[in-house]
């Protein structure tokens, strides 16, 4: 692997981490606005993705790729 390829991978991971942070902020907003969770609780929740996912499952909404969870 060349130095340029390694540098590209590092750039990719930095971009991915930044996107994950953006998505987490959106999920916190959803938890506060749609699930009625306090903002502090949502911010401190260690796995906000699972919380919102559980909400969707409880609402009977099955995401694509989750059809076999039953």
C-alpha atoms as a PDB file:
ATOM      1  CA  UNK A   1       0.000   0.000   0.000  1.00  0.00           C
ATOM      2  CA  UNK A   2       1.364   3.407  -0.918  1.00  0.00           C
ATOM      3  CA  UNK A   3       1.633   6.393   1.396  1.00  0.00           C
ATOM      4  CA  UNK A   4      -1.073   8.116  -0.627  1.00  0.00           C
ATOM      5  CA  UNK A   5      -3.442   5.166  -0.134  1.00  0.00           C
ATOM      6  CA  UNK A   6      -2.746   5.196   3.596  1.00  0.00           C
ATOM      7  CA  UNK A   7      -3.360   8.947   3.725  1.00  0.00           C
ATOM      8  CA  UNK A   8      -6.618   8.459   1.832  1.00  0.00           C
ATOM      9  CA  UNK A   9      -7.759   5.859   4.365  1.00  0.00           C
ATOM     10  CA  UNK A  10      -6.993   8.207   7.237  1.00  0.00           C
ATOM     11  CA  UNK A  11      -8.938  10.951   5.499  1.00  0.00           C
ATOM     12  CA  UNK A  12     -11.843   8.550   4.984  1.00  0.00           C
ATOM     13  CA  UNK A  13     -11.969   7.659   8.665  1.00  0.00           C
ATOM     14  CA  UNK A  14     -11.861  11.313   9.737  1.00  0.00           C
ATOM     15  CA  UNK A  15     -14.761  12.061   7.404  1.00  0.00           C
ATOM     16  CA  UNK A  16     -16.694   9.033   8.663  1.00  0.00           C
ATOM     17  CA  UNK A  17     -16.204  10.076  12.292  1.00  0.00           C
ATOM     18  CA  UNK A  18     -17.385  13.595  11.500  1.00  0.00           C
ATOM     19  CA  UNK A  19     -20.507  12.182   9.818  1.00  0.00           C
ATOM     20  CA  UNK A  20     -21.205   9.931  12.810  1.00  0.00           C
ATOM     21  CA  UNK A  21     -21.075  13.002  15.073  1.00  0.00           C
ATOM     22  CA  UNK A  22     -23.574  14.782  12.805  1.00  0.00           C
ATOM     23  CA  UNK A  23     -25.912  11.786  12.855  1.00  0.00           C
ATOM     24  CA  UNK A  24     -25.647  11.499  16.639  1.00  0.00           C
ATOM     25  CA  UNK A  25     -26.746  15.139  16.988  1.00  0.00           C
ATOM     26  CA  UNK A  26     -29.753  14.405  14.760  1.00  0.00           C
ATOM     27  CA  UNK A  27     -30.637  11.315  16.829  1.00  0.00           C
ATOM     28  CA  UNK A  28     -30.419  13.348  20.045  1.00  0.00           C
ATOM     29  CA  UNK A  29     -32.835  15.883  18.553  1.00  0.00           C
ATOM     30  CA  UNK A  30     -35.193  13.048  17.621  1.00  0.00           C
ATOM     31  CA  UNK A  31     -34.988  11.563  21.113  1.00  0.00           C
ATOM     32  CA  UNK A  32     -35.848  14.922  22.653  1.00  0.00           C
ATOM     33  CA  UNK A  33     -38.534  15.987  20.182  1.00  0.00           C
ATOM     34  CA  UNK A  34     -40.196  12.662  19.361  1.00  0.00           C
ATOM     35  CA  UNK A  35     -39.491  10.387  22.311  1.00  0.00           C
ATOM     36  CA  UNK A  36     -39.892  12.989  25.047  1.00  0.00           C
ATOM     37  CA  UNK A  37     -36.497  12.338  26.623  1.00  0.00           C
ATOM     38  CA  UNK A  38     -34.768  15.229  28.355  1.00  0.00           C
ATOM     39  CA  UNK A  39     -31.957  16.813  26.400  1.00  0.00           C
ATOM     40  CA  UNK A  40     -29.445  16.046  29.153  1.00  0.00           C
ATOM     41  CA  UNK A  41     -30.469  12.381  29.265  1.00  0.00           C
ATOM     42  CA  UNK A  42     -30.268  12.092  25.478  1.00  0.00           C
ATOM     43  CA  UNK A  43     -26.837  13.721  25.351  1.00  0.00           C
ATOM     44  CA  UNK A  44     -25.472  11.472  28.092  1.00  0.00           C
ATOM     45  CA  UNK A  45     -27.041   8.274  26.729  1.00  0.00           C
ATOM     46  CA  UNK A  46     -24.161   5.936  25.846  1.00  0.00           C
ATOM     47  CA  UNK A  47     -25.941   4.412  22.836  1.00  0.00           C
ATOM     48  CA  UNK A  48     -28.533   6.799  21.458  1.00  0.00           C
ATOM     49  CA  UNK A  49     -28.750   4.694  18.287  1.00  0.00           C
ATOM     50  CA  UNK A  50     -30.122   1.714  20.210  1.00  0.00           C
ATOM     51  CA  UNK A  51     -32.581   3.922  22.060  1.00  0.00           C
ATOM     52  CA  UNK A  52     -34.038   5.351  18.854  1.00  0.00           C
ATOM     53  CA  UNK A  53     -33.932   1.913  17.198  1.00  0.00           C
ATOM     54  CA  UNK A  54     -35.890   0.455  20.116  1.00  0.00           C
ATOM     55  CA  UNK A  55     -38.445   3.237  19.737  1.00  0.00           C
ATOM     56  CA  UNK A  56     -38.921   2.347  16.068  1.00  0.00           C
ATOM     57  CA  UNK A  57     -39.288  -1.341  16.867  1.00  0.00           C
ATOM     58  CA  UNK A  58     -41.828  -0.485  19.572  1.00  0.00           C
ATOM     59  CA  UNK A  59     -43.780   1.489  16.988  1.00  0.00           C
ATOM     60  CA  UNK A  60     -43.841  -1.560  14.729  1.00  0.00           C
ATOM     61  CA  UNK A  61     -41.489  -0.039  12.172  1.00  0.00           C
ATOM     62  CA  UNK A  62     -38.957  -2.509  10.863  1.00  0.00           C
ATOM     63  CA  UNK A  63     -36.026  -1.003   9.036  1.00  0.00           C
ATOM     64  CA  UNK A  64     -34.693  -2.513   5.861  1.00  0.00           C
ATOM     65  CA  UNK A  65     -32.094  -5.101   6.747  1.00  0.00           C
ATOM     66  CA  UNK A  66     -33.931  -5.915   9.990  1.00  0.00           C
ATOM     67  CA  UNK A  67     -36.642  -8.143   8.536  1.00  0.00           C
ATOM     68  CA  UNK A  68     -35.116 -11.273  10.074  1.00  0.00           C
ATOM     69  CA  UNK A  69     -35.061  -9.972  13.667  1.00  0.00           C
ATOM     70  CA  UNK A  70     -38.374 -11.594  14.611  1.00  0.00           C
END
